[in-house]
PDB file of N, CA and C in Angstrom:
ATOM      1  N   MET A   1       5.683 -30.165  13.770  1.00  0.00           N
ATOM      2  CA  MET A   1       5.320 -31.401  13.888  1.00  0.00           C
ATOM      3  C   MET A   1       5.820 -32.577  13.210  1.00  0.00           C
ATOM      4  N   ILE A   2       6.700 -33.352  13.714  1.00  0.00           N
ATOM      5  CA  ILE A   2       6.999 -34.747  13.125  1.00  0.00           C
ATOM      6  C   ILE A   2       5.985 -35.869  13.140  1.00  0.00           C
ATOM      7  N   ARG A   3       6.061 -36.371  12.015  1.00  0.00           N
ATOM      8  CA  ARG A   3       5.342 -37.568  11.648  1.00  0.00           C
ATOM      9  C   ARG A   3       5.636 -38.791  11.062  1.00  0.00           C
ATOM     10  N   LYS A   4       5.056 -39.894  11.681  1.00  0.00           N
ATOM     11  CA  LYS A   4       6.005 -41.358  11.066  1.00  0.00           C
ATOM     12  C   LYS A   4       5.274 -41.423   9.753  1.00  0.00           C
ATOM     13  N   HIS A   5       5.954 -42.539   8.810  1.00  0.00           N
ATOM     14  CA  HIS A   5       5.493 -42.740   8.105  1.00  0.00           C
ATOM     15  C   HIS A   5       4.039 -43.498   8.028  1.00  0.00           C
ATOM     16  N   GLY A   6       3.260 -42.682   7.267  1.00  0.00           N
ATOM     17  CA  GLY A   6       1.513 -43.668   7.429  1.00  0.00           C
ATOM     18  C   GLY A   6       1.212 -42.906   8.166  1.00  0.00           C
ATOM     19  N   ASP A   7       1.465 -42.192   9.005  1.00  0.00           N
ATOM     20  CA  ASP A   7       0.741 -41.220  10.004  1.00  0.00           C
ATOM     21  C   ASP A   7      -0.192 -40.488   9.798  1.00  0.00           C
ATOM     22  N   SER A   8      -0.172 -39.798   8.384  1.00  0.00           N
ATOM     23  CA  SER A   8      -0.796 -38.419   7.914  1.00  0.00           C
ATOM     24  C   SER A   8      -2.183 -38.659   7.101  1.00  0.00           C
ATOM     25  N   PHE A   9      -2.511 -39.780   7.203  1.00  0.00           N
ATOM     26  CA  PHE A   9      -3.600 -40.429   5.726  1.00  0.00           C
ATOM     27  C   PHE A   9      -4.618 -39.280   5.977  1.00  0.00           C
ATOM     28  N   GLY A  10      -5.370 -39.150   7.314  1.00  0.00           N
ATOM     29  CA  GLY A  10      -6.236 -38.385   7.503  1.00  0.00           C
ATOM     30  C   GLY A  10      -6.377 -37.052   7.585  1.00  0.00           C
ATOM     31  N   SER A  11      -5.210 -36.307   7.661  1.00  0.00           N
ATOM     32  CA  SER A  11      -4.837 -35.026   7.414  1.00  0.00           C
ATOM     33  C   SER A  11      -5.057 -35.312   5.913  1.00  0.00           C
ATOM     34  N   TYR A  12      -4.552 -35.992   5.101  1.00  0.00           N
ATOM     35  CA  TYR A  12      -4.649 -35.326   3.367  1.00  0.00           C
ATOM     36  C   TYR A  12      -6.010 -35.864   3.066  1.00  0.00           C
ATOM     37  N   GLN A  13      -6.582 -36.503   3.786  1.00  0.00           N
ATOM     38  CA  GLN A  13      -8.179 -36.902   3.220  1.00  0.00           C
ATOM     39  C   GLN A  13      -9.068 -35.715   3.484  1.00  0.00           C
ATOM     40  N   SER A  14      -8.834 -35.073   5.270  1.00  0.00           N
ATOM     41  CA  SER A  14      -9.238 -33.654   4.961  1.00  0.00           C
ATOM     42  C   SER A  14      -9.276 -32.272   4.422  1.00  0.00           C
ATOM     43  N   VAL A  15      -7.742 -32.729   3.960  1.00  0.00           N
ATOM     44  CA  VAL A  15      -7.315 -31.376   2.939  1.00  0.00           C
ATOM     45  C   VAL A  15      -7.879 -31.294   1.281  1.00  0.00           C
ATOM     46  N   GLU A  16      -8.197 -32.792   1.183  1.00  0.00           N
ATOM     47  CA  GLU A  16      -8.487 -33.174  -0.227  1.00  0.00           C
ATOM     48  C   GLU A  16      -9.903 -32.929  -0.281  1.00  0.00           C
ATOM     49  N   SER A  17     -10.617 -33.112   0.652  1.00  0.00           N
ATOM     50  CA  SER A  17     -12.114 -33.526   0.793  1.00  0.00           C
ATOM     51  C   SER A  17     -12.309 -31.519   0.729  1.00  0.00           C
ATOM     52  N   SER A  18     -11.569 -30.446   1.002  1.00  0.00           N
ATOM     53  CA  SER A  18     -12.235 -29.372   0.874  1.00  0.00           C
ATOM     54  C   SER A  18     -11.925 -28.514  -0.728  1.00  0.00           C
ATOM     55  N   GLY A  19     -11.472 -29.204  -1.668  1.00  0.00           N
ATOM     56  CA  GLY A  19     -11.348 -29.346  -2.914  1.00  0.00           C
ATOM     57  C   GLY A  19      -9.852 -28.831  -3.348  1.00  0.00           C
ATOM     58  N   ARG A  20      -9.113 -28.886  -2.251  1.00  0.00           N
ATOM     59  CA  ARG A  20      -7.840 -28.386  -2.766  1.00  0.00           C
ATOM     60  C   ARG A  20      -6.419 -29.213  -3.334  1.00  0.00           C
ATOM     61  N   THR A  21      -5.797 -29.186  -3.797  1.00  0.00           N
ATOM     62  CA  THR A  21      -4.878 -30.176  -4.258  1.00  0.00           C
ATOM     63  C   THR A  21      -3.732 -29.944  -3.773  1.00  0.00           C
ATOM     64  N   ILE A  22      -2.966 -31.581  -3.259  1.00  0.00           N
ATOM     65  CA  ILE A  22      -2.205 -31.716  -2.256  1.00  0.00           C
ATOM     66  C   ILE A  22      -0.952 -32.074  -3.527  1.00  0.00           C
ATOM     67  N   LEU A  23       0.471 -31.844  -2.802  1.00  0.00           N
ATOM     68  CA  LEU A  23       1.357 -31.874  -3.441  1.00  0.00           C
ATOM     69  C   LEU A  23       2.191 -32.733  -2.619  1.00  0.00           C
ATOM     70  N   LEU A  24       2.547 -34.518  -2.694  1.00  0.00           N
ATOM     71  CA  LEU A  24       2.990 -35.151  -1.798  1.00  0.00           C
ATOM     72  C   LEU A  24       4.012 -35.630  -2.279  1.00  0.00           C
ATOM     73  N   THR A  25       5.532 -35.505  -1.759  1.00  0.00           N
ATOM     74  CA  THR A  25       6.604 -36.665  -2.510  1.00  0.00           C
ATOM     75  C   THR A  25       6.837 -37.456  -1.617  1.00  0.00           C
ATOM     76  N   THR A  26       6.933 -39.034  -1.941  1.00  0.00           N
ATOM     77  CA  THR A  26       7.132 -40.228  -1.254  1.00  0.00           C
ATOM     78  C   THR A  26       7.491 -41.141  -2.190  1.00  0.00           C
ATOM     79  N   HIS A  27       8.161 -41.764  -1.323  1.00  0.00           N
ATOM     80  CA  HIS A  27       8.862 -43.324  -1.810  1.00  0.00           C
ATOM     81  C   HIS A  27       7.537 -44.455  -1.620  1.00  0.00           C
ATOM     82  N   TYR A  28       6.627 -44.312  -1.112  1.00  0.00           N
ATOM     83  CA  TYR A  28       5.588 -45.110  -0.505  1.00  0.00           C
ATOM     84  C   TYR A  28       4.812 -45.243  -1.176  1.00  0.00           C
ATOM     85  N   MET A  29       4.646 -45.529  -2.730  1.00  0.00           N
ATOM     86  CA  MET A  29       3.006 -45.565  -3.041  1.00  0.00           C
ATOM     87  C   MET A  29       1.870 -46.213  -2.938  1.00  0.00           C
ATOM     88  N   ASP A  30       2.345 -47.558  -2.308  1.00  0.00           N
ATOM     89  CA  ASP A  30       1.044 -48.444  -1.647  1.00  0.00           C
ATOM     90  C   ASP A  30       0.260 -47.975  -0.897  1.00  0.00           C
ATOM     91  N   GLU A  31       0.817 -46.878  -0.106  1.00  0.00           N
ATOM     92  CA  GLU A  31      -0.006 -46.137   0.772  1.00  0.00           C
ATOM     93  C   GLU A  31      -0.894 -44.949   0.015  1.00  0.00           C
ATOM     94  N   ARG A  32      -0.188 -44.524  -0.802  1.00  0.00           N
ATOM     95  CA  ARG A  32      -0.610 -43.312  -1.442  1.00  0.00           C
ATOM     96  C   ARG A  32      -1.698 -43.170  -2.736  1.00  0.00           C
ATOM     97  N   LYS A  33      -1.980 -44.391  -2.832  1.00  0.00           N
ATOM     98  CA  LYS A  33      -2.255 -44.983  -4.648  1.00  0.00           C
ATOM     99  C   LYS A  33      -4.086 -45.144  -3.631  1.00  0.00           C
ATOM    100  N   ASN A  34      -4.523 -44.890  -2.738  1.00  0.00           N
ATOM    101  CA  ASN A  34      -6.178 -45.084  -2.312  1.00  0.00           C
ATOM    102  C   ASN A  34      -6.375 -44.003  -2.045  1.00  0.00           C
ATOM    103  N   PHE A  35      -5.934 -42.878  -2.106  1.00  0.00           N
ATOM    104  CA  PHE A  35      -6.513 -41.307  -2.211  1.00  0.00           C
ATOM    105  C   PHE A  35      -5.878 -40.556  -3.311  1.00  0.00           C
ATOM    106  N   ALA A  36      -4.994 -40.700  -4.151  1.00  0.00           N
ATOM    107  CA  ALA A  36      -4.414 -39.765  -5.065  1.00  0.00           C
ATOM    108  C   ALA A  36      -5.199 -40.120  -6.334  1.00  0.00           C
ATOM    109  N   ASP A  37      -6.161 -39.135  -7.186  1.00  0.00           N
ATOM    110  CA  ASP A  37      -6.585 -39.007  -8.404  1.00  0.00           C
ATOM    111  C   ASP A  37      -5.167 -38.997  -9.268  1.00  0.00           C
ATOM    112  N   ARG A  38      -4.138 -38.350  -9.398  1.00  0.00           N
ATOM    113  CA  ARG A  38      -3.250 -38.465 -10.195  1.00  0.00           C
ATOM    114  C   ARG A  38      -1.999 -38.848  -9.549  1.00  0.00           C
ATOM    115  N   VAL A  39      -1.028 -39.510 -10.144  1.00  0.00           N
ATOM    116  CA  VAL A  39       0.464 -39.556  -9.717  1.00  0.00           C
ATOM    117  C   VAL A  39       1.332 -39.287 -10.673  1.00  0.00           C
ATOM    118  N   ALA A  40       2.570 -38.666 -10.438  1.00  0.00           N
ATOM    119  CA  ALA A  40       3.645 -37.983 -11.218  1.00  0.00           C
ATOM    120  C   ALA A  40       4.399 -39.342 -11.042  1.00  0.00           C
ATOM    121  N   ILE A  41       5.594 -39.842 -11.577  1.00  0.00           N
ATOM    122  CA  ILE A  41       6.990 -40.374 -11.135  1.00  0.00           C
ATOM    123  C   ILE A  41       7.987 -39.390 -12.043  1.00  0.00           C
ATOM    124  N   MET A  42       8.940 -39.225 -11.392  1.00  0.00           N
ATOM    125  CA  MET A  42       9.829 -38.155 -11.480  1.00  0.00           C
ATOM    126  C   MET A  42      11.352 -39.606 -11.900  1.00  0.00           C
ATOM    127  N   ASP A  43      11.956 -38.884 -12.272  1.00  0.00           N
ATOM    128  CA  ASP A  43      13.193 -39.756 -12.213  1.00  0.00           C
ATOM    129  C   ASP A  43      14.369 -38.426 -12.661  1.00  0.00           C
ATOM    130  N   HIS A  44      15.450 -37.637 -11.913  1.00  0.00           N
ATOM    131  CA  HIS A  44      15.802 -36.888 -12.038  1.00  0.00           C
ATOM    132  C   HIS A  44      15.850 -35.878 -12.454  1.00  0.00           C
ATOM    133  N   GLY A  45      14.416 -35.461 -11.748  1.00  0.00           N
ATOM    134  CA  GLY A  45      13.774 -34.040 -12.355  1.00  0.00           C
ATOM    135  C   GLY A  45      12.756 -33.882 -13.333  1.00  0.00           C
ATOM    136  N   LYS A  46      12.540 -35.098 -13.882  1.00  0.00           N
ATOM    137  CA  LYS A  46      11.775 -35.049 -14.850  1.00  0.00           C
ATOM    138  C   LYS A  46      10.570 -36.384 -14.728  1.00  0.00           C
ATOM    139  N   VAL A  47       9.328 -35.735 -15.498  1.00  0.00           N
ATOM    140  CA  VAL A  47       8.214 -36.427 -15.085  1.00  0.00           C
ATOM    141  C   VAL A  47       8.517 -37.446 -16.292  1.00  0.00           C
ATOM    142  N   ILE A  48       8.470 -38.843 -15.708  1.00  0.00           N
ATOM    143  CA  ILE A  48       8.505 -39.735 -16.680  1.00  0.00           C
ATOM    144  C   ILE A  48       7.553 -40.610 -16.933  1.00  0.00           C
ATOM    145  N   ALA A  49       6.086 -40.606 -16.079  1.00  0.00           N
ATOM    146  CA  ALA A  49       5.210 -41.131 -16.276  1.00  0.00           C
ATOM    147  C   ALA A  49       3.646 -40.343 -15.420  1.00  0.00           C
ATOM    148  N   LEU A  50       2.569 -40.152 -15.647  1.00  0.00           N
ATOM    149  CA  LEU A  50       1.638 -39.273 -15.406  1.00  0.00           C
ATOM    150  C   LEU A  50       0.439 -40.341 -15.588  1.00  0.00           C
ATOM    151  N   ASP A  51      -0.522 -40.562 -14.465  1.00  0.00           N
ATOM    152  CA  ASP A  51      -1.932 -41.094 -14.498  1.00  0.00           C
ATOM    153  C   ASP A  51      -2.267 -41.835 -13.572  1.00  0.00           C
ATOM    154  N   THR A  52      -3.558 -42.211 -13.221  1.00  0.00           N
ATOM    155  CA  THR A  52      -3.990 -42.522 -12.058  1.00  0.00           C
ATOM    156  C   THR A  52      -2.641 -43.710 -11.492  1.00  0.00           C
ATOM    157  N   PRO A  53      -3.018 -43.988 -10.216  1.00  0.00           N
ATOM    158  CA  PRO A  53      -2.111 -44.816  -9.697  1.00  0.00           C
ATOM    159  C   PRO A  53      -2.713 -46.304 -10.193  1.00  0.00           C
ATOM    160  N   ARG A  54      -3.856 -46.366 -10.539  1.00  0.00           N
ATOM    161  CA  ARG A  54      -4.161 -48.110 -10.786  1.00  0.00           C
ATOM    162  C   ARG A  54      -3.892 -48.403 -12.469  1.00  0.00           C
ATOM    163  N   ARG A  55      -3.639 -47.542 -13.179  1.00  0.00           N
ATOM    164  CA  ARG A  55      -3.569 -47.226 -14.505  1.00  0.00           C
ATOM    165  C   ARG A  55      -2.005 -47.516 -14.523  1.00  0.00           C
ATOM    166  N   LEU A  56      -1.332 -46.669 -13.985  1.00  0.00           N
ATOM    167  CA  LEU A  56       0.308 -46.820 -13.581  1.00  0.00           C
ATOM    168  C   LEU A  56       0.494 -48.183 -13.249  1.00  0.00           C
ATOM    169  N   ILE A  57      -0.084 -49.052 -12.048  1.00  0.00           N
ATOM    170  CA  ILE A  57       0.444 -50.486 -11.872  1.00  0.00           C
ATOM    171  C   ILE A  57       0.053 -51.061 -12.888  1.00  0.00           C
ATOM    172  N   ALA A  58      -1.135 -50.710 -13.181  1.00  0.00           N
ATOM    173  CA  ALA A  58      -1.759 -51.921 -14.488  1.00  0.00           C
ATOM    174  C   ALA A  58      -0.346 -51.452 -15.851  1.00  0.00           C
ATOM    175  N   SER A  59      -0.033 -50.426 -16.096  1.00  0.00           N
ATOM    176  CA  SER A  59       1.163 -50.319 -17.238  1.00  0.00           C
ATOM    177  C   SER A  59       2.456 -51.353 -16.477  1.00  0.00           C
ATOM    178  N   LEU A  60       2.456 -51.599 -15.580  1.00  0.00           N
ATOM    179  CA  LEU A  60       3.510 -52.315 -15.237  1.00  0.00           C
ATOM    180  C   LEU A  60       3.713 -53.660 -15.882  1.00  0.00           C
ATOM    181  N   GLY A  61       2.268 -54.569 -15.978  1.00  0.00           N
ATOM    182  CA  GLY A  61       1.884 -55.850 -15.935  1.00  0.00           C
ATOM    183  C   GLY A  61       1.663 -56.665 -14.310  1.00  0.00           C
ATOM    184  N   VAL A  62       2.175 -56.364 -13.776  1.00  0.00           N
ATOM    185  CA  VAL A  62       2.402 -57.080 -12.528  1.00  0.00           C
ATOM    186  C   VAL A  62       2.029 -55.831 -11.202  1.00  0.00           C
ATOM    187  N   GLU A  63       1.083 -56.703 -10.352  1.00  0.00           N
ATOM    188  CA  GLU A  63       0.291 -56.038  -9.368  1.00  0.00           C
ATOM    189  C   GLU A  63       1.236 -55.892  -7.878  1.00  0.00           C
ATOM    190  N   HIS A  64       2.010 -57.069  -7.874  1.00  0.00           N
ATOM    191  CA  HIS A  64       2.570 -57.971  -6.579  1.00  0.00           C
ATOM    192  C   HIS A  64       4.384 -57.499  -7.176  1.00  0.00           C
ATOM    193  N   LEU A  65       5.121 -57.656  -6.155  1.00  0.00           N
ATOM    194  CA  LEU A  65       6.078 -58.393  -6.053  1.00  0.00           C
ATOM    195  C   LEU A  65       6.733 -58.820  -4.491  1.00  0.00           C
ATOM    196  N   LEU A  66       7.163 -60.432  -5.195  1.00  0.00           N
ATOM    197  CA  LEU A  66       6.933 -61.369  -3.729  1.00  0.00           C
ATOM    198  C   LEU A  66       8.745 -61.374  -3.885  1.00  0.00           C
ATOM    199  N   GLU A  67       9.092 -61.348  -2.757  1.00  0.00           N
ATOM    200  CA  GLU A  67      10.453 -61.347  -2.550  1.00  0.00           C
ATOM    201  C   GLU A  67      10.691 -62.570  -1.595  1.00  0.00           C
ATOM    202  N   PHE A  68      11.688 -63.309  -1.492  1.00  0.00           N
ATOM    203  CA  PHE A  68      11.801 -64.606  -0.153  1.00  0.00           C
ATOM    204  C   PHE A  68      13.183 -65.110  -0.623  1.00  0.00           C
ATOM    205  N   ALA A  69      13.500 -65.614   0.398  1.00  0.00           N
ATOM    206  CA  ALA A  69      14.871 -66.388   0.591  1.00  0.00           C
ATOM    207  C   ALA A  69      14.514 -67.872   0.590  1.00  0.00           C
ATOM    208  N   THR A  70      15.747 -68.675   0.296  1.00  0.00           N
ATOM    209  CA  THR A  70      15.635 -70.198   0.479  1.00  0.00           C
ATOM    210  C   THR A  70      16.888 -70.315   1.573  1.00  0.00           C
ATOM    211  N   GLU A  71      16.941 -71.376   1.919  1.00  0.00           N
ATOM    212  CA  GLU A  71      17.584 -71.888   2.439  1.00  0.00           C
ATOM    213  C   GLU A  71      18.850 -73.002   1.497  1.00  0.00           C
ATOM    214  N   GLY A  72      19.851 -72.782   1.058  1.00  0.00           N
ATOM    215  CA  GLY A  72      20.730 -73.628   0.502  1.00  0.00           C
ATOM    216  C   GLY A  72      20.779 -73.056  -1.301  1.00  0.00           C
ATOM    217  N   GLU A  73      20.262 -73.966  -1.605  1.00  0.00           N
ATOM    218  CA  GLU A  73      20.228 -73.265  -3.282  1.00  0.00           C
ATOM    219  C   GLU A  73      18.983 -72.986  -3.749  1.00  0.00           C
ATOM    220  N   PRO A  74      18.964 -71.742  -4.528  1.00  0.00           N
ATOM    221  CA  PRO A  74      17.375 -71.126  -4.924  1.00  0.00           C
ATOM    222  C   PRO A  74      16.845 -72.148  -5.529  1.00  0.00           C
ATOM    223  N   LEU A  75      15.008 -72.050  -5.303  1.00  0.00           N
ATOM    224  CA  LEU A  75      14.406 -72.837  -6.320  1.00  0.00           C
ATOM    225  C   LEU A  75      14.485 -72.302  -7.795  1.00  0.00           C
ATOM    226  N   ASP A  76      14.259 -73.395  -8.439  1.00  0.00           N
ATOM    227  CA  ASP A  76      14.783 -73.540 -10.116  1.00  0.00           C
ATOM    228  C   ASP A  76      14.020 -71.954 -11.097  1.00  0.00           C
ATOM    229  N   ALA A  77      14.137 -71.291 -11.530  1.00  0.00           N
ATOM    230  CA  ALA A  77      13.599 -70.077 -12.204  1.00  0.00           C
ATOM    231  C   ALA A  77      12.473 -70.835 -12.948  1.00  0.00           C
ATOM    232  N   ALA A  78      13.209 -71.724 -13.568  1.00  0.00           N
ATOM    233  CA  ALA A  78      12.100 -72.354 -14.810  1.00  0.00           C
ATOM    234  C   ALA A  78      10.743 -73.142 -14.079  1.00  0.00           C
ATOM    235  N   LEU A  79      10.867 -73.466 -13.089  1.00  0.00           N
ATOM    236  CA  LEU A  79      10.179 -74.360 -12.162  1.00  0.00           C
ATOM    237  C   LEU A  79       9.154 -72.855 -11.343  1.00  0.00           C
ATOM    238  N   LEU A  80       9.590 -71.982 -11.219  1.00  0.00           N
ATOM    239  CA  LEU A  80       9.214 -70.672 -10.776  1.00  0.00           C
ATOM    240  C   LEU A  80       7.955 -70.322 -11.846  1.00  0.00           C
ATOM    241  N   LYS A  81       8.548 -69.919 -12.992  1.00  0.00           N
ATOM    242  CA  LYS A  81       8.020 -69.436 -13.854  1.00  0.00           C
ATOM    243  C   LYS A  81       6.603 -70.145 -14.632  1.00  0.00           C
ATOM    244  N   THR A  82       6.398 -71.046 -14.016  1.00  0.00           N
ATOM    245  CA  THR A  82       5.153 -72.204 -14.086  1.00  0.00           C
ATOM    246  C   THR A  82       4.362 -71.643 -13.126  1.00  0.00           C
ATOM    247  N   LEU A  83       4.316 -71.142 -12.060  1.00  0.00           N
ATOM    248  CA  LEU A  83       3.411 -70.827 -10.994  1.00  0.00           C
ATOM    249  C   LEU A  83       2.420 -70.298 -11.867  1.00  0.00           C
ATOM    250  N   GLN A  84       1.241 -70.198 -10.959  1.00  0.00           N
ATOM    251  CA  GLN A  84       0.087 -69.320 -11.675  1.00  0.00           C
ATOM    252  C   GLN A  84       0.418 -67.872 -11.406  1.00  0.00           C
ATOM    253  N   GLY A  85       0.445 -66.969 -12.399  1.00  0.00           N
ATOM    254  CA  GLY A  85       0.273 -65.520 -11.964  1.00  0.00           C
ATOM    255  C   GLY A  85       1.907 -64.882 -12.415  1.00  0.00           C
ATOM    256  N   VAL A  86       2.720 -65.396 -12.264  1.00  0.00           N
ATOM    257  CA  VAL A  86       4.262 -65.151 -12.243  1.00  0.00           C
ATOM    258  C   VAL A  86       4.333 -64.868 -13.622  1.00  0.00           C
ATOM    259  N   ARG A  87       5.189 -63.730 -13.436  1.00  0.00           N
ATOM    260  CA  ARG A  87       5.171 -62.650 -15.266  1.00  0.00           C
ATOM    261  C   ARG A  87       6.690 -62.709 -14.904  1.00  0.00           C
ATOM    262  N   ALA A  88       7.675 -62.703 -13.895  1.00  0.00           N
ATOM    263  CA  ALA A  88       8.944 -62.698 -14.292  1.00  0.00           C
ATOM    264  C   ALA A  88       9.610 -63.380 -12.998  1.00  0.00           C
ATOM    265  N   VAL A  89      11.005 -63.696 -12.951  1.00  0.00           N
ATOM    266  CA  VAL A  89      11.576 -64.450 -11.846  1.00  0.00           C
ATOM    267  C   VAL A  89      13.193 -63.772 -11.865  1.00  0.00           C
ATOM    268  N   LYS A  90      13.614 -62.996 -10.970  1.00  0.00           N
ATOM    269  CA  LYS A  90      15.149 -62.823 -10.969  1.00  0.00           C
ATOM    270  C   LYS A  90      15.582 -63.064  -9.510  1.00  0.00           C
ATOM    271  N   THR A  91      16.981 -64.073  -9.495  1.00  0.00           N
ATOM    272  CA  THR A  91      17.149 -64.871  -8.572  1.00  0.00           C
ATOM    273  C   THR A  91      18.635 -63.895  -8.090  1.00  0.00           C
ATOM    274  N   VAL A  92      19.246 -63.322  -7.475  1.00  0.00           N
ATOM    275  CA  VAL A  92      20.358 -62.865  -7.025  1.00  0.00           C
ATOM    276  C   VAL A  92      20.964 -63.576  -5.367  1.00  0.00           C
ATOM    277  N   GLY A  93      21.942 -64.252  -5.459  1.00  0.00           N
ATOM    278  CA  GLY A  93      22.405 -65.151  -4.313  1.00  0.00           C
ATOM    279  C   GLY A  93      21.048 -66.210  -3.685  1.00  0.00           C
ATOM    280  N   ASP A  94      20.537 -65.767  -2.702  1.00  0.00           N
ATOM    281  CA  ASP A  94      19.741 -66.565  -2.230  1.00  0.00           C
ATOM    282  C   ASP A  94      18.162 -65.849  -2.037  1.00  0.00           C
ATOM    283  N   VAL A  95      18.280 -65.093  -2.803  1.00  0.00           N
ATOM    284  CA  VAL A  95      17.421 -63.755  -2.695  1.00  0.00           C
ATOM    285  C   VAL A  95      16.718 -64.320  -4.286  1.00  0.00           C
ATOM    286  N   THR A  96      15.288 -64.285  -3.846  1.00  0.00           N
ATOM    287  CA  THR A  96      14.297 -64.458  -5.394  1.00  0.00           C
ATOM    288  C   THR A  96      13.629 -63.758  -5.352  1.00  0.00           C
ATOM    289  N   GLN A  97      12.827 -62.903  -6.402  1.00  0.00           N
ATOM    290  CA  GLN A  97      11.950 -62.088  -6.767  1.00  0.00           C
ATOM    291  C   GLN A  97      10.966 -62.665  -7.937  1.00  0.00           C
ATOM    292  N   LEU A  98       9.417 -62.498  -7.402  1.00  0.00           N
ATOM    293  CA  LEU A  98       8.500 -62.592  -8.574  1.00  0.00           C
ATOM    294  C   LEU A  98       7.898 -61.773  -8.899  1.00  0.00           C
ATOM    295  N   GLN A  99       7.601 -61.231 -10.568  1.00  0.00           N
ATOM    296  CA  GLN A  99       6.619 -60.233 -10.403  1.00  0.00           C
ATOM    297  C   GLN A  99       5.424 -60.826 -10.686  1.00  0.00           C
ATOM    298  N   VAL A 100       4.403 -60.684  -9.905  1.00  0.00           N
ATOM    299  CA  VAL A 100       3.026 -61.667  -9.591  1.00  0.00           C
ATOM    300  C   VAL A 100       2.028 -60.697 -10.023  1.00  0.00           C
ATOM    301  N   ALA A 101       1.035 -61.227 -10.829  1.00  0.00           N
ATOM    302  CA  ALA A 101      -0.417 -60.662 -10.948  1.00  0.00           C
ATOM    303  C   ALA A 101      -1.426 -61.000 -10.155  1.00  0.00           C
ATOM    304  N   GLU A 102      -0.921 -62.321  -9.534  1.00  0.00           N
ATOM    305  CA  GLU A 102      -2.246 -62.742  -8.688  1.00  0.00           C
ATOM    306  C   GLU A 102      -1.848 -63.363  -7.436  1.00  0.00           C
ATOM    307  N   LEU A 103      -1.775 -62.486  -6.919  1.00  0.00           N
ATOM    308  CA  LEU A 103      -0.838 -63.134  -5.294  1.00  0.00           C
ATOM    309  C   LEU A 103      -1.322 -63.997  -4.709  1.00  0.00           C
ATOM    310  N   HIS A 104      -2.619 -63.735  -4.840  1.00  0.00           N
ATOM    311  CA  HIS A 104      -3.621 -65.170  -4.029  1.00  0.00           C
ATOM    312  C   HIS A 104      -3.799 -66.087  -4.443  1.00  0.00           C
ATOM    313  N   ARG A 105      -2.853 -66.607  -5.863  1.00  0.00           N
ATOM    314  CA  ARG A 105      -2.770 -67.810  -6.388  1.00  0.00           C
ATOM    315  C   ARG A 105      -1.564 -68.219  -6.414  1.00  0.00           C
ATOM    316  N   THR A 106      -0.713 -67.408  -6.240  1.00  0.00           N
ATOM    317  CA  THR A 106       0.684 -67.648  -6.859  1.00  0.00           C
ATOM    318  C   THR A 106       1.399 -68.058  -5.406  1.00  0.00           C
ATOM    319  N   LEU A 107       1.217 -67.401  -4.296  1.00  0.00           N
ATOM    320  CA  LEU A 107       1.831 -67.472  -3.002  1.00  0.00           C
ATOM    321  C   LEU A 107       1.308 -68.960  -2.243  1.00  0.00           C
ATOM    322  N   PRO A 108       0.281 -69.567  -2.584  1.00  0.00           N
ATOM    323  CA  PRO A 108       0.059 -70.783  -2.217  1.00  0.00           C
ATOM    324  C   PRO A 108       0.585 -71.750  -3.073  1.00  0.00           C
ATOM    325  N   ALA A 109       0.697 -71.887  -3.924  1.00  0.00           N
ATOM    326  CA  ALA A 109       1.212 -72.512  -5.192  1.00  0.00           C
ATOM    327  C   ALA A 109       2.688 -72.484  -4.768  1.00  0.00           C
ATOM    328  N   LEU A 110       3.660 -71.377  -4.631  1.00  0.00           N
ATOM    329  CA  LEU A 110       4.975 -71.167  -3.924  1.00  0.00           C
ATOM    330  C   LEU A 110       5.159 -71.982  -3.051  1.00  0.00           C
ATOM    331  N   LEU A 111       4.328 -72.025  -1.856  1.00  0.00           N
ATOM    332  CA  LEU A 111       4.636 -72.630  -0.925  1.00  0.00           C
ATOM    333  C   LEU A 111       4.262 -74.224  -0.846  1.00  0.00           C
ATOM    334  N   ARG A 112       3.427 -74.865  -1.872  1.00  0.00           N
ATOM    335  CA  ARG A 112       3.036 -76.015  -2.134  1.00  0.00           C
ATOM    336  C   ARG A 112       4.878 -76.509  -2.942  1.00  0.00           C
ATOM    337  N   LYS A 113       5.387 -75.909  -3.724  1.00  0.00           N
ATOM    338  CA  LYS A 113       6.589 -76.149  -4.366  1.00  0.00           C
ATOM    339  C   LYS A 113       7.677 -76.580  -3.517  1.00  0.00           C
ATOM    340  N   ALA A 114       7.674 -75.177  -2.317  1.00  0.00           N
ATOM    341  CA  ALA A 114       8.634 -75.558  -1.428  1.00  0.00           C
ATOM    342  C   ALA A 114       8.597 -76.725  -0.513  1.00  0.00           C
ATOM    343  N   ARG A 115       7.748 -77.070  -0.340  1.00  0.00           N
ATOM    344  CA  ARG A 115       7.171 -78.299   0.690  1.00  0.00           C
ATOM    345  C   ARG A 115       7.700 -79.210  -0.053  1.00  0.00           C
ATOM    346  N   ARG A 116       7.143 -79.391  -1.210  1.00  0.00           N
ATOM    347  CA  ARG A 116       7.370 -80.694  -2.105  1.00  0.00           C
ATOM    348  C   ARG A 116       9.010 -80.891  -2.586  1.00  0.00           C
ATOM    349  N   THR A 117       9.412 -80.048  -2.561  1.00  0.00           N
ATOM    350  CA  THR A 117      10.848 -79.943  -2.823  1.00  0.00           C
ATOM    351  C   THR A 117      11.885 -79.838  -1.561  1.00  0.00           C
ATOM    352  N   ARG A 118      11.118 -79.581  -0.185  1.00  0.00           N
ATOM    353  CA  ARG A 118      11.562 -79.467   1.516  1.00  0.00           C
ATOM    354  C   ARG A 118      12.780 -78.491   1.289  1.00  0.00           C
ATOM    355  N   ARG A 119      11.845 -77.497   0.984  1.00  0.00           N
ATOM    356  CA  ARG A 119      12.614 -76.077   1.460  1.00  0.00           C
ATOM    357  C   ARG A 119      12.032 -75.082   1.836  1.00  0.00           C
ATOM    358  N   THR A 120      12.542 -74.039   2.558  1.00  0.00           N
ATOM    359  CA  THR A 120      11.902 -73.549   3.661  1.00  0.00           C
ATOM    360  C   THR A 120      12.170 -72.075   2.864  1.00  0.00           C
ATOM    361  N   ALA A 121      11.159 -71.872   2.267  1.00  0.00           N
ATOM    362  CA  ALA A 121      11.327 -70.532   1.705  1.00  0.00           C
ATOM    363  C   ALA A 121      10.401 -69.444   2.628  1.00  0.00           C
TER     364      ALA A 121
END
């Protein structure tokens, strides 16, 4: 049987509730964090991190990556760093990535800044 990405959550839950261990390989941490007790992150065949999903995410210092493109010149990185919850800013070409701890606060502030500078983000 072929399943599309995100289609197997219910199957995993039923196996897990029977007391069995599930070994799952995926690049989609966002979907798996809701039911995994522990997650191992591997790089070139070696475990580089092993913990609960919440602790692994917390170890990064950010919970969200907000990516956007602007028309014309990108927004000033120094200005973006002043937005509430922004931990780091990276811009390549017209695409900017913000590492954000509080998305619910940063996104509205970003949209207000974009409006004030008459930019579309």
